[in-house]
Amino acid sequence: MGLSLVTGGSGFIGSHLVAALVERGERVRILDVTLPNAPPPGVTVLHGSVLDREAVANACEGVSRVFHLAAVAQLWQRDPSVFESVNRDGTRIVLAAAEKAGVSRFVHCSTESVLNRGASADERSDSGLATMAGPYCRSKYLAEREALAAAAKGMPVVVVNPTAPIGPGDRTPTPPTAMLRLFLGGGPRLILECTLNLVHVRDVADGMILAAERGVVGERYILGGSDVRLSDLAARLDRLAGRDPRRRWTIPGRLALAAAMLDEWVSDHLTHRPPRAPATGVRLALAAGRVDSTKAIRTLGYSPRSLGDTLTDTVGWLMRTDTEGPLRCQ
């Protein structure tokens, strides 16, 4: 069996993808700026950035498949130019090295955030660069365009668009996990009502492997889980934390966005610390709708687990693990 390269293999999705590949008996190489705590036995780890052309070329040598996950996945950065440099330019560099290496399949990990949500979103959704919710989304949109352009020129590229992944092992944490921790701790009492699509991170990893094996070159596949209203999610988390659902109030969208923009201005110009609610996240929430993963289910054999199982697995890990201090669940 050939060798697979996972860029960003030390990250949340990447680590689960590496584990899933190893479990199948496959040989795996990781390229990441962060070294994994404990990579599975036999996995080769290369320390390097996707912006380092030499490191990327070395990582692609002898590889048959590339899973490109390396990206800046937060919704705010002190220097917003890092989004485009890593997410768009890094993708361009990895694509070029993989093409030169003659890989048989390139799976590009995009995001649902680039989709035109409205009432619902599927793989045909594309409202253009101007509608993206912020620097992160714009950079991921441009990265996806690079991947699809390479496919149009004959490179064996498939694109996957995961929704909001949650599950065990998110120690950074990513925005979805940070939100779950906040609710498990009892807050907030004011919420912006919206529809989220939460997916188990292991389902995303499995979906990426299916895309590598069964995906059609040049196609996109949404790897989603379950749609849930934020108020319903908060109530579920209260019950999982062992308490009666708390009363919460809905904040108007315009007020939420204004507060987020002010908070982000303070972060940008004064504190240089991440805002509590990035404006990109609020814009995404305001535009959110239902997500349709039917294409991946029907054509790839993708089979996401239920929301109940996903939340139970995630909350169980969060309540056993101290990532930001003890959870206040009583």
C-alpha atoms as a PDB file:
ATOM      1  CA  MET A   1       0.000   0.000   0.000  1.00  0.00           C
ATOM      2  CA  GLY A   2       1.300   3.473  -0.887  1.00  0.00           C
ATOM      3  CA  LEU A   3       2.434   6.220   1.426  1.00  0.00           C
ATOM      4  CA  SER A   4      -0.005   8.996   2.428  1.00  0.00           C
ATOM      5  CA  LEU A   5       1.051  12.513   3.425  1.00  0.00           C
ATOM      6  CA  VAL A   6      -1.146  14.422   5.861  1.00  0.00           C
ATOM      7  CA  THR A   7      -0.313  18.109   6.089  1.00  0.00           C
ATOM      8  CA  GLY A   8      -1.511  19.450   9.426  1.00  0.00           C
ATOM      9  CA  GLY A   9      -1.479  15.903  10.755  1.00  0.00           C
ATOM     10  CA  SER A  10      -0.923  17.099  14.329  1.00  0.00           C
ATOM     11  CA  GLY A  11      -4.150  19.113  14.359  1.00  0.00           C
ATOM     12  CA  PHE A  12      -7.613  18.119  15.523  1.00  0.00           C
ATOM     13  CA  ILE A  13      -8.952  16.584  12.307  1.00  0.00           C
ATOM     14  CA  GLY A  14      -5.466  15.646  11.129  1.00  0.00           C
ATOM     15  CA  SER A  15      -4.631  13.536  14.166  1.00  0.00           C
ATOM     16  CA  HIS A  16      -7.856  11.568  13.783  1.00  0.00           C
ATOM     17  CA  LEU A  17      -7.215  11.101  10.067  1.00  0.00           C
ATOM     18  CA  VAL A  18      -3.704   9.810  10.764  1.00  0.00           C
ATOM     19  CA  ALA A  19      -5.063   7.386  13.366  1.00  0.00           C
ATOM     20  CA  ALA A  20      -7.752   6.146  10.946  1.00  0.00           C
ATOM     21  CA  LEU A  21      -5.192   5.576   8.180  1.00  0.00           C
ATOM     22  CA  VAL A  22      -2.841   3.705  10.517  1.00  0.00           C
ATOM     23  CA  GLU A  23      -5.718   1.560  11.757  1.00  0.00           C
ATOM     24  CA  ARG A  24      -6.258   0.493   8.141  1.00  0.00           C
ATOM     25  CA  GLY A  25      -2.628  -0.611   7.927  1.00  0.00           C
ATOM     26  CA  GLU A  26      -1.508   2.312   5.765  1.00  0.00           C
ATOM     27  CA  ARG A  27       1.845   4.083   5.881  1.00  0.00           C
ATOM     28  CA  VAL A  28       1.586   7.737   6.890  1.00  0.00           C
ATOM     29  CA  ARG A  29       3.825  10.795   6.876  1.00  0.00           C
ATOM     30  CA  ILE A  30       2.936  14.037   8.693  1.00  0.00           C
ATOM     31  CA  LEU A  31       4.086  17.546   7.787  1.00  0.00           C
ATOM     32  CA  ASP A  32       3.225  20.091  10.474  1.00  0.00           C
ATOM     33  CA  VAL A  33       4.669  23.099  12.282  1.00  0.00           C
ATOM     34  CA  THR A  34       3.552  21.467  15.531  1.00  0.00           C
ATOM     35  CA  LEU A  35       4.904  18.102  16.579  1.00  0.00           C
ATOM     36  CA  PRO A  36       2.253  15.584  17.717  1.00  0.00           C
ATOM     37  CA  ASN A  37       2.287  14.529  21.357  1.00  0.00           C
ATOM     38  CA  ALA A  38       2.274  10.818  20.608  1.00  0.00           C
ATOM     39  CA  PRO A  39       1.998   9.824  16.931  1.00  0.00           C
ATOM     40  CA  PRO A  40       0.915   6.252  16.230  1.00  0.00           C
ATOM     41  CA  PRO A  41       3.806   3.786  15.850  1.00  0.00           C
ATOM     42  CA  GLY A  42       5.377   3.816  12.428  1.00  0.00           C
ATOM     43  CA  VAL A  43       4.200   7.310  11.464  1.00  0.00           C
ATOM     44  CA  THR A  44       6.938   9.569  10.083  1.00  0.00           C
ATOM     45  CA  VAL A  45       6.793  13.137  11.361  1.00  0.00           C
ATOM     46  CA  LEU A  46       8.396  16.005   9.447  1.00  0.00           C
ATOM     47  CA  HIS A  47       8.583  19.358  11.190  1.00  0.00           C
ATOM     48  CA  GLY A  48       7.919  22.106   8.686  1.00  0.00           C
ATOM     49  CA  SER A  49       5.534  24.683   7.244  1.00  0.00           C
ATOM     50  CA  VAL A  50       3.489  24.442   4.064  1.00  0.00           C
ATOM     51  CA  LEU A  51       5.083  27.800   3.180  1.00  0.00           C
ATOM     52  CA  ASP A  52       8.533  26.168   3.060  1.00  0.00           C
ATOM     53  CA  ARG A  53       8.809  24.908  -0.525  1.00  0.00           C
ATOM     54  CA  GLU A  54      11.783  22.676   0.216  1.00  0.00           C
ATOM     55  CA  ALA A  55      10.081  21.077   3.230  1.00  0.00           C
ATOM     56  CA  VAL A  56       6.921  20.476   1.205  1.00  0.00           C
ATOM     57  CA  ALA A  57       8.855  18.986  -1.698  1.00  0.00           C
ATOM     58  CA  ASN A  58      10.678  16.625   0.671  1.00  0.00           C
ATOM     59  CA  ALA A  59       7.406  15.664   2.326  1.00  0.00           C
ATOM     60  CA  CYS A  60       5.817  14.807  -1.036  1.00  0.00           C
ATOM     61  CA  GLU A  61       8.715  12.624  -2.191  1.00  0.00           C
ATOM     62  CA  GLY A  62       7.571   9.038  -2.689  1.00  0.00           C
ATOM     63  CA  VAL A  63       3.979   9.819  -1.683  1.00  0.00           C
ATOM     64  CA  SER A  64       0.975   8.357  -3.510  1.00  0.00           C
ATOM     65  CA  ARG A  65      -1.765  10.373  -1.756  1.00  0.00           C
ATOM     66  CA  VAL A  66      -1.860  13.787  -0.131  1.00  0.00           C
ATOM     67  CA  PHE A  67      -4.461  14.870   2.415  1.00  0.00           C
ATOM     68  CA  HIS A  68      -4.030  18.622   2.705  1.00  0.00           C
ATOM     69  CA  LEU A  69      -5.386  19.874   6.037  1.00  0.00           C
ATOM     70  CA  ALA A  70      -2.743  22.367   7.169  1.00  0.00           C
ATOM     71  CA  ALA A  71      -4.391  25.755   7.706  1.00  0.00           C
ATOM     72  CA  VAL A  72      -4.959  28.556  10.170  1.00  0.00           C
ATOM     73  CA  ALA A  73      -8.401  27.480  11.391  1.00  0.00           C
ATOM     74  CA  GLN A  74      -9.197  30.190  13.931  1.00  0.00           C
ATOM     75  CA  LEU A  75     -11.633  33.016  13.178  1.00  0.00           C
ATOM     76  CA  TRP A  76      -9.346  35.856  14.311  1.00  0.00           C
ATOM     77  CA  GLN A  77      -5.632  36.543  14.083  1.00  0.00           C
ATOM     78  CA  ARG A  78      -3.657  39.540  15.290  1.00  0.00           C
ATOM     79  CA  ASP A  79      -2.171  39.706  11.798  1.00  0.00           C
ATOM     80  CA  PRO A  80      -4.998  38.792   9.385  1.00  0.00           C
ATOM     81  CA  SER A  81      -2.580  38.429   6.470  1.00  0.00           C
ATOM     82  CA  VAL A  82      -1.538  35.063   7.929  1.00  0.00           C
ATOM     83  CA  PHE A  83      -4.860  33.592   6.772  1.00  0.00           C
ATOM     84  CA  GLU A  84      -4.172  34.166   3.094  1.00  0.00           C
ATOM     85  CA  SER A  85      -0.477  33.325   3.274  1.00  0.00           C
ATOM     86  CA  VAL A  86      -0.986  29.955   4.975  1.00  0.00           C
ATOM     87  CA  ASN A  87      -4.407  28.928   3.717  1.00  0.00           C
ATOM     88  CA  ARG A  88      -4.271  30.100   0.085  1.00  0.00           C
ATOM     89  CA  ASP A  89      -0.537  30.322  -0.662  1.00  0.00           C
ATOM     90  CA  GLY A  90       0.241  27.184   1.353  1.00  0.00           C
ATOM     91  CA  THR A  91      -2.343  25.252  -0.645  1.00  0.00           C
ATOM     92  CA  ARG A  92      -0.794  26.486  -3.885  1.00  0.00           C
ATOM     93  CA  ILE A  93       2.662  25.309  -2.743  1.00  0.00           C
ATOM     94  CA  VAL A  94       1.442  21.864  -1.660  1.00  0.00           C
ATOM     95  CA  LEU A  95      -0.504  21.400  -4.907  1.00  0.00           C
ATOM     96  CA  ALA A  96       2.578  22.218  -6.981  1.00  0.00           C
ATOM     97  CA  ALA A  97       4.803  19.828  -5.023  1.00  0.00           C
ATOM     98  CA  ALA A  98       2.215  17.045  -5.138  1.00  0.00           C
ATOM     99  CA  GLU A  99       1.780  17.462  -8.900  1.00  0.00           C
ATOM    100  CA  LYS A 100       5.537  17.285  -9.422  1.00  0.00           C
ATOM    101  CA  ALA A 101       5.677  14.150  -7.248  1.00  0.00           C
ATOM    102  CA  GLY A 102       2.981  12.544  -9.408  1.00  0.00           C
ATOM    103  CA  VAL A 103       0.532  11.708  -6.622  1.00  0.00           C
ATOM    104  CA  SER A 104      -2.464   9.571  -7.530  1.00  0.00           C
ATOM    105  CA  ARG A 105      -4.937  11.476  -5.361  1.00  0.00           C
ATOM    106  CA  PHE A 106      -5.003  14.852  -3.593  1.00  0.00           C
ATOM    107  CA  VAL A 107      -7.766  15.477  -1.025  1.00  0.00           C
ATOM    108  CA  HIS A 108      -8.144  19.145  -0.146  1.00  0.00           C
ATOM    109  CA  CYS A 109      -9.839  19.914   3.178  1.00  0.00           C
ATOM    110  CA  SER A 110     -11.957  23.030   2.729  1.00  0.00           C
ATOM    111  CA  THR A 111     -14.828  24.078   5.030  1.00  0.00           C
ATOM    112  CA  GLU A 112     -18.567  24.612   5.043  1.00  0.00           C
ATOM    113  CA  SER A 113     -17.833  28.267   5.816  1.00  0.00           C
ATOM    114  CA  VAL A 114     -17.238  28.956   2.115  1.00  0.00           C
ATOM    115  CA  LEU A 115     -20.701  27.739   1.143  1.00  0.00           C
ATOM    116  CA  ASN A 116     -23.634  30.009   0.414  1.00  0.00           C
ATOM    117  CA  ARG A 117     -25.824  28.970   3.331  1.00  0.00           C
ATOM    118  CA  GLY A 118     -29.171  30.788   3.126  1.00  0.00           C
ATOM    119  CA  ALA A 119     -31.994  28.329   3.767  1.00  0.00           C
ATOM    120  CA  SER A 120     -29.771  25.336   2.992  1.00  0.00           C
ATOM    121  CA  ALA A 121     -26.391  24.522   1.480  1.00  0.00           C
ATOM    122  CA  ASP A 122     -25.116  21.795  -0.798  1.00  0.00           C
ATOM    123  CA  GLU A 123     -22.105  21.301  -3.056  1.00  0.00           C
ATOM    124  CA  ARG A 124     -23.546  23.611  -5.733  1.00  0.00           C
ATOM    125  CA  SER A 125     -23.503  26.563  -3.318  1.00  0.00           C
ATOM    126  CA  ASP A 126     -21.089  29.307  -4.339  1.00  0.00           C
ATOM    127  CA  SER A 127     -21.947  32.941  -3.710  1.00  0.00           C
ATOM    128  CA  GLY A 128     -18.487  34.293  -4.540  1.00  0.00           C
ATOM    129  CA  LEU A 129     -15.554  35.819  -2.719  1.00  0.00           C
ATOM    130  CA  ALA A 130     -17.295  39.117  -1.917  1.00  0.00           C
ATOM    131  CA  THR A 131     -19.855  37.381   0.308  1.00  0.00           C
ATOM    132  CA  MET A 132     -17.347  35.603   2.559  1.00  0.00           C
ATOM    133  CA  ALA A 133     -17.817  36.359   6.271  1.00  0.00           C
ATOM    134  CA  GLY A 134     -14.244  37.432   7.075  1.00  0.00           C
ATOM    135  CA  PRO A 135     -10.519  36.896   6.399  1.00  0.00           C
ATOM    136  CA  TYR A 136     -10.569  33.223   7.391  1.00  0.00           C
ATOM    137  CA  CYS A 137     -13.459  32.411   5.053  1.00  0.00           C
ATOM    138  CA  ARG A 138     -11.980  34.428   2.196  1.00  0.00           C
ATOM    139  CA  SER A 139      -8.663  32.613   2.510  1.00  0.00           C
ATOM    140  CA  LYS A 140     -10.339  29.192   2.557  1.00  0.00           C
ATOM    141  CA  TYR A 141     -12.496  30.138  -0.430  1.00  0.00           C
ATOM    142  CA  LEU A 142      -9.363  31.135  -2.370  1.00  0.00           C
ATOM    143  CA  ALA A 143      -7.612  27.928  -1.308  1.00  0.00           C
ATOM    144  CA  GLU A 144     -10.544  25.865  -2.546  1.00  0.00           C
ATOM    145  CA  ARG A 145     -10.468  27.743  -5.865  1.00  0.00           C
ATOM    146  CA  GLU A 146      -6.784  26.800  -6.200  1.00  0.00           C
ATOM    147  CA  ALA A 147      -7.615  23.133  -5.602  1.00  0.00           C
ATOM    148  CA  LEU A 148     -10.496  23.091  -8.076  1.00  0.00           C
ATOM    149  CA  ALA A 149      -8.423  24.934 -10.694  1.00  0.00           C
ATOM    150  CA  ALA A 150      -5.728  22.257 -10.354  1.00  0.00           C
ATOM    151  CA  ALA A 151      -8.379  19.578 -10.865  1.00  0.00           C
ATOM    152  CA  ALA A 152      -9.654  21.363 -13.971  1.00  0.00           C
ATOM    153  CA  LYS A 153      -6.114  21.171 -15.384  1.00  0.00           C
ATOM    154  CA  GLY A 154      -5.998  17.405 -14.866  1.00  0.00           C
ATOM    155  CA  MET A 155      -4.613  16.973 -11.348  1.00  0.00           C
ATOM    156  CA  PRO A 156      -6.454  14.238  -9.342  1.00  0.00           C
ATOM    157  CA  VAL A 157      -7.924  16.605  -6.734  1.00  0.00           C
ATOM    158  CA  VAL A 158     -11.058  16.063  -4.651  1.00  0.00           C
ATOM    159  CA  VAL A 159     -12.429  18.660  -2.213  1.00  0.00           C
ATOM    160  CA  VAL A 160     -14.201  17.971   1.083  1.00  0.00           C
ATOM    161  CA  ASN A 161     -16.142  20.574   3.074  1.00  0.00           C
ATOM    162  CA  PRO A 162     -16.477  19.508   6.723  1.00  0.00           C
ATOM    163  CA  THR A 163     -19.019  21.281   8.895  1.00  0.00           C
ATOM    164  CA  ALA A 164     -18.204  22.063  12.557  1.00  0.00           C
ATOM    165  CA  PRO A 165     -16.171  19.112  13.887  1.00  0.00           C
ATOM    166  CA  ILE A 166     -16.323  18.134  17.537  1.00  0.00           C
ATOM    167  CA  GLY A 167     -15.147  15.085  19.453  1.00  0.00           C
ATOM    168  CA  PRO A 168     -12.317  13.857  21.679  1.00  0.00           C
ATOM    169  CA  GLY A 169      -8.833  15.290  21.430  1.00  0.00           C
ATOM    170  CA  ASP A 170      -9.421  18.947  20.538  1.00  0.00           C
ATOM    171  CA  ARG A 171      -6.833  20.475  22.850  1.00  0.00           C
ATOM    172  CA  THR A 172      -6.338  23.800  21.016  1.00  0.00           C
ATOM    173  CA  PRO A 173      -9.388  24.206  21.141  1.00  0.00           C
ATOM    174  CA  THR A 174     -11.074  24.993  17.836  1.00  0.00           C
ATOM    175  CA  PRO A 175     -14.089  27.388  17.902  1.00  0.00           C
ATOM    176  CA  PRO A 176     -16.774  24.634  18.079  1.00  0.00           C
ATOM    177  CA  THR A 177     -15.119  22.972  21.079  1.00  0.00           C
ATOM    178  CA  ALA A 178     -14.575  26.327  22.791  1.00  0.00           C
ATOM    179  CA  MET A 179     -18.303  26.999  22.393  1.00  0.00           C
ATOM    180  CA  LEU A 180     -19.215  23.631  23.940  1.00  0.00           C
ATOM    181  CA  ARG A 181     -16.930  24.291  26.903  1.00  0.00           C
ATOM    182  CA  LEU A 182     -18.610  27.646  27.449  1.00  0.00           C
ATOM    183  CA  PHE A 183     -22.071  26.078  27.574  1.00  0.00           C
ATOM    184  CA  LEU A 184     -20.906  23.227  29.778  1.00  0.00           C
ATOM    185  CA  GLY A 185     -19.583  25.814  32.208  1.00  0.00           C
ATOM    186  CA  GLY A 186     -23.054  27.356  32.504  1.00  0.00           C
ATOM    187  CA  GLY A 187     -22.862  30.287  30.128  1.00  0.00           C
ATOM    188  CA  PRO A 188     -23.714  32.340  28.239  1.00  0.00           C
ATOM    189  CA  ARG A 189     -27.215  33.481  29.176  1.00  0.00           C
ATOM    190  CA  LEU A 190     -27.504  35.624  26.005  1.00  0.00           C
ATOM    191  CA  ILE A 191     -27.316  33.672  22.731  1.00  0.00           C
ATOM    192  CA  LEU A 192     -27.592  34.445  19.029  1.00  0.00           C
ATOM    193  CA  GLU A 193     -30.133  31.913  17.804  1.00  0.00           C
ATOM    194  CA  CYS A 194     -28.889  30.098  14.702  1.00  0.00           C
ATOM    195  CA  THR A 195     -28.616  26.662  13.121  1.00  0.00           C
ATOM    196  CA  LEU A 196     -25.336  24.758  13.498  1.00  0.00           C
ATOM    197  CA  ASN A 197     -24.253  21.552  11.826  1.00  0.00           C
ATOM    198  CA  LEU A 198     -22.074  19.493  14.159  1.00  0.00           C
ATOM    199  CA  VAL A 199     -20.145  16.457  12.964  1.00  0.00           C
ATOM    200  CA  HIS A 200     -18.012  13.936  14.814  1.00  0.00           C
ATOM    201  CA  VAL A 201     -14.349  14.454  13.962  1.00  0.00           C
ATOM    202  CA  ARG A 202     -13.912  10.729  13.363  1.00  0.00           C
ATOM    203  CA  ASP A 203     -16.681  10.843  10.765  1.00  0.00           C
ATOM    204  CA  VAL A 204     -14.807  13.645   9.001  1.00  0.00           C
ATOM    205  CA  ALA A 205     -11.637  11.536   9.003  1.00  0.00           C
ATOM    206  CA  ASP A 206     -13.518   8.552   7.586  1.00  0.00           C
ATOM    207  CA  GLY A 207     -15.173  10.793   5.001  1.00  0.00           C
ATOM    208  CA  MET A 208     -11.823  12.083   3.816  1.00  0.00           C
ATOM    209  CA  ILE A 209     -10.566   8.537   3.266  1.00  0.00           C
ATOM    210  CA  LEU A 210     -13.754   7.711   1.361  1.00  0.00           C
ATOM    211  CA  ALA A 211     -13.234  10.816  -0.776  1.00  0.00           C
ATOM    212  CA  ALA A 212      -9.707   9.637  -1.579  1.00  0.00           C
ATOM    213  CA  GLU A 213     -10.976   6.215  -2.593  1.00  0.00           C
ATOM    214  CA  ARG A 214     -14.326   6.962  -4.231  1.00  0.00           C
ATOM    215  CA  GLY A 215     -14.504  10.682  -4.882  1.00  0.00           C
ATOM    216  CA  VAL A 216     -14.737  12.068  -8.413  1.00  0.00           C
ATOM    217  CA  VAL A 217     -11.894  14.363  -9.443  1.00  0.00           C
ATOM    218  CA  GLY A 218     -12.950  18.020  -9.354  1.00  0.00           C
ATOM    219  CA  GLU A 219     -15.992  17.384  -7.147  1.00  0.00           C
ATOM    220  CA  ARG A 220     -16.803  18.764  -3.689  1.00  0.00           C
ATOM    221  CA  TYR A 221     -18.298  16.682  -0.867  1.00  0.00           C
ATOM    222  CA  ILE A 222     -19.894  18.128   2.264  1.00  0.00           C
ATOM    223  CA  LEU A 223     -18.964  16.067   5.327  1.00  0.00           C
ATOM    224  CA  GLY A 224     -21.675  17.061   7.770  1.00  0.00           C
ATOM    225  CA  GLY A 225     -23.454  15.601  10.748  1.00  0.00           C
ATOM    226  CA  SER A 226     -26.641  16.956  12.321  1.00  0.00           C
ATOM    227  CA  ASP A 227     -28.327  20.341  12.169  1.00  0.00           C
ATOM    228  CA  VAL A 228     -29.266  21.760  15.566  1.00  0.00           C
ATOM    229  CA  ARG A 229     -30.595  25.075  16.798  1.00  0.00           C
ATOM    230  CA  LEU A 230     -28.250  26.757  19.265  1.00  0.00           C
ATOM    231  CA  SER A 231     -30.918  26.950  21.981  1.00  0.00           C
ATOM    232  CA  ASP A 232     -31.578  23.209  21.625  1.00  0.00           C
ATOM    233  CA  LEU A 233     -27.856  22.493  21.760  1.00  0.00           C
ATOM    234  CA  ALA A 234     -27.493  24.543  24.951  1.00  0.00           C
ATOM    235  CA  ALA A 235     -30.338  22.586  26.581  1.00  0.00           C
ATOM    236  CA  ARG A 236     -28.796  19.257  25.566  1.00  0.00           C
ATOM    237  CA  LEU A 237     -25.451  20.281  27.040  1.00  0.00           C
ATOM    238  CA  ASP A 238     -27.106  21.371  30.279  1.00  0.00           C
ATOM    239  CA  ARG A 239     -28.651  17.909  30.606  1.00  0.00           C
ATOM    240  CA  LEU A 240     -25.350  16.189  29.786  1.00  0.00           C
ATOM    241  CA  ALA A 241     -23.727  18.312  32.499  1.00  0.00           C
ATOM    242  CA  GLY A 242     -26.300  16.978  34.969  1.00  0.00           C
ATOM    243  CA  ARG A 243     -28.422  20.091  35.492  1.00  0.00           C
ATOM    244  CA  ASP A 244     -31.815  21.377  34.414  1.00  0.00           C
ATOM    245  CA  PRO A 245     -31.683  23.438  31.202  1.00  0.00           C
ATOM    246  CA  ARG A 246     -31.003  27.046  32.073  1.00  0.00           C
ATOM    247  CA  ARG A 247     -33.082  29.917  30.857  1.00  0.00           C
ATOM    248  CA  ARG A 248     -31.392  31.877  28.093  1.00  0.00           C
ATOM    249  CA  TRP A 249     -32.364  34.970  26.139  1.00  0.00           C
ATOM    250  CA  THR A 250     -31.918  35.633  22.446  1.00  0.00           C
ATOM    251  CA  ILE A 251     -29.864  38.634  21.347  1.00  0.00           C
ATOM    252  CA  PRO A 252     -30.864  40.407  18.093  1.00  0.00           C
ATOM    253  CA  GLY A 253     -28.515  39.724  15.205  1.00  0.00           C
ATOM    254  CA  ARG A 254     -27.632  43.357  14.506  1.00  0.00           C
ATOM    255  CA  LEU A 255     -26.805  43.959  18.150  1.00  0.00           C
ATOM    256  CA  ALA A 256     -24.668  40.800  18.286  1.00  0.00           C
ATOM    257  CA  LEU A 257     -22.734  41.854  15.190  1.00  0.00           C
ATOM    258  CA  ALA A 258     -22.197  45.399  16.475  1.00  0.00           C
ATOM    259  CA  ALA A 259     -20.915  44.076  19.802  1.00  0.00           C
ATOM    260  CA  ALA A 260     -18.620  41.602  18.020  1.00  0.00           C
ATOM    261  CA  MET A 261     -17.187  44.303  15.762  1.00  0.00           C
ATOM    262  CA  LEU A 262     -16.484  46.525  18.772  1.00  0.00           C
ATOM    263  CA  ASP A 263     -14.902  43.617  20.653  1.00  0.00           C
ATOM    264  CA  GLU A 264     -12.756  42.788  17.623  1.00  0.00           C
ATOM    265  CA  TRP A 265     -11.667  46.427  17.252  1.00  0.00           C
ATOM    266  CA  VAL A 266     -10.469  46.361  20.864  1.00  0.00           C
ATOM    267  CA  SER A 267      -8.567  43.139  20.144  1.00  0.00           C
ATOM    268  CA  ASP A 268      -7.050  44.511  16.950  1.00  0.00           C
ATOM    269  CA  HIS A 269      -5.935  47.859  18.322  1.00  0.00           C
ATOM    270  CA  LEU A 270      -5.635  47.608  22.112  1.00  0.00           C
ATOM    271  CA  THR A 271      -5.385  44.198  23.775  1.00  0.00           C
ATOM    272  CA  HIS A 272      -4.097  42.074  20.843  1.00  0.00           C
ATOM    273  CA  ARG A 273      -5.845  39.137  22.493  1.00  0.00           C
ATOM    274  CA  PRO A 274      -8.541  37.064  20.765  1.00  0.00           C
ATOM    275  CA  PRO A 275     -12.035  38.598  20.990  1.00  0.00           C
ATOM    276  CA  ARG A 276     -14.715  36.716  22.895  1.00  0.00           C
ATOM    277  CA  ALA A 277     -16.913  36.577  19.782  1.00  0.00           C
ATOM    278  CA  PRO A 278     -15.099  37.205  16.474  1.00  0.00           C
ATOM    279  CA  ALA A 279     -17.156  39.126  13.933  1.00  0.00           C
ATOM    280  CA  THR A 280     -16.564  36.339  11.393  1.00  0.00           C
ATOM    281  CA  GLY A 281     -18.290  33.869  13.700  1.00  0.00           C
ATOM    282  CA  VAL A 282     -21.293  36.138  14.185  1.00  0.00           C
ATOM    283  CA  ARG A 283     -21.630  36.720  10.430  1.00  0.00           C
ATOM    284  CA  LEU A 284     -21.487  32.974   9.842  1.00  0.00           C
ATOM    285  CA  ALA A 285     -24.180  32.431  12.467  1.00  0.00           C
ATOM    286  CA  LEU A 286     -26.422  35.076  10.914  1.00  0.00           C
ATOM    287  CA  ALA A 287     -26.105  33.438   7.490  1.00  0.00           C
ATOM    288  CA  ALA A 288     -26.435  29.871   8.758  1.00  0.00           C
ATOM    289  CA  GLY A 289     -29.002  27.432   7.475  1.00  0.00           C
ATOM    290  CA  ARG A 290     -29.355  23.710   7.014  1.00  0.00           C
ATOM    291  CA  VAL A 291     -26.551  21.647   5.478  1.00  0.00           C
ATOM    292  CA  ASP A 292     -27.096  18.759   3.073  1.00  0.00           C
ATOM    293  CA  SER A 293     -24.582  15.876   3.088  1.00  0.00           C
ATOM    294  CA  THR A 294     -26.675  13.671   0.796  1.00  0.00           C
ATOM    295  CA  LYS A 295     -24.077  13.641  -1.992  1.00  0.00           C
ATOM    296  CA  ALA A 296     -21.352  12.216   0.276  1.00  0.00           C
ATOM    297  CA  ILE A 297     -23.764   9.722   1.802  1.00  0.00           C
ATOM    298  CA  ARG A 298     -25.002   8.425  -1.550  1.00  0.00           C
ATOM    299  CA  THR A 299     -21.827   8.466  -3.616  1.00  0.00           C
ATOM    300  CA  LEU A 300     -19.061   7.894  -1.061  1.00  0.00           C
ATOM    301  CA  GLY A 301     -20.847   5.685   1.458  1.00  0.00           C
ATOM    302  CA  TYR A 302     -20.338   8.366   4.118  1.00  0.00           C
ATOM    303  CA  SER A 303     -22.269   7.532   7.293  1.00  0.00           C
ATOM    304  CA  PRO A 304     -22.173  10.164  10.060  1.00  0.00           C
ATOM    305  CA  ARG A 305     -23.279   9.170  13.532  1.00  0.00           C
ATOM    306  CA  SER A 306     -26.179  10.753  15.418  1.00  0.00           C
ATOM    307  CA  LEU A 307     -25.979  14.077  17.218  1.00  0.00           C
ATOM    308  CA  GLY A 308     -26.670  12.317  20.506  1.00  0.00           C
ATOM    309  CA  ASP A 309     -23.716   9.963  20.106  1.00  0.00           C
ATOM    310  CA  THR A 310     -21.479  12.803  18.917  1.00  0.00           C
ATOM    311  CA  LEU A 311     -22.304  15.023  21.895  1.00  0.00           C
ATOM    312  CA  THR A 312     -22.018  12.187  24.410  1.00  0.00           C
ATOM    313  CA  ASP A 313     -18.564  11.282  23.112  1.00  0.00           C
ATOM    314  CA  THR A 314     -17.416  14.915  23.036  1.00  0.00           C
ATOM    315  CA  VAL A 315     -18.786  15.937  26.414  1.00  0.00           C
ATOM    316  CA  GLY A 316     -17.455  12.781  28.030  1.00  0.00           C
ATOM    317  CA  TRP A 317     -13.958  13.668  26.837  1.00  0.00           C
ATOM    318  CA  LEU A 318     -14.302  17.325  27.854  1.00  0.00           C
ATOM    319  CA  MET A 319     -15.414  16.399  31.348  1.00  0.00           C
ATOM    320  CA  ARG A 320     -12.474  14.012  31.738  1.00  0.00           C
ATOM    321  CA  THR A 321      -9.884  16.360  30.338  1.00  0.00           C
ATOM    322  CA  ASP A 322      -8.532  19.607  31.691  1.00  0.00           C
ATOM    323  CA  THR A 323      -7.688  21.790  28.680  1.00  0.00           C
ATOM    324  CA  GLU A 324      -8.452  25.229  30.093  1.00  0.00           C
ATOM    325  CA  GLY A 325      -8.935  24.527  33.763  1.00  0.00           C
ATOM    326  CA  PRO A 326     -11.722  22.466  35.373  1.00  0.00           C
ATOM    327  CA  LEU A 327     -15.155  22.525  33.817  1.00  0.00           C
ATOM    328  CA  ARG A 328     -17.764  24.084  36.069  1.00  0.00           C
ATOM    329  CA  CYS A 329     -20.650  21.724  35.458  1.00  0.00           C
ATOM    330  CA  GLN A 330     -22.430  21.771  38.769  1.00  0.00           C
END
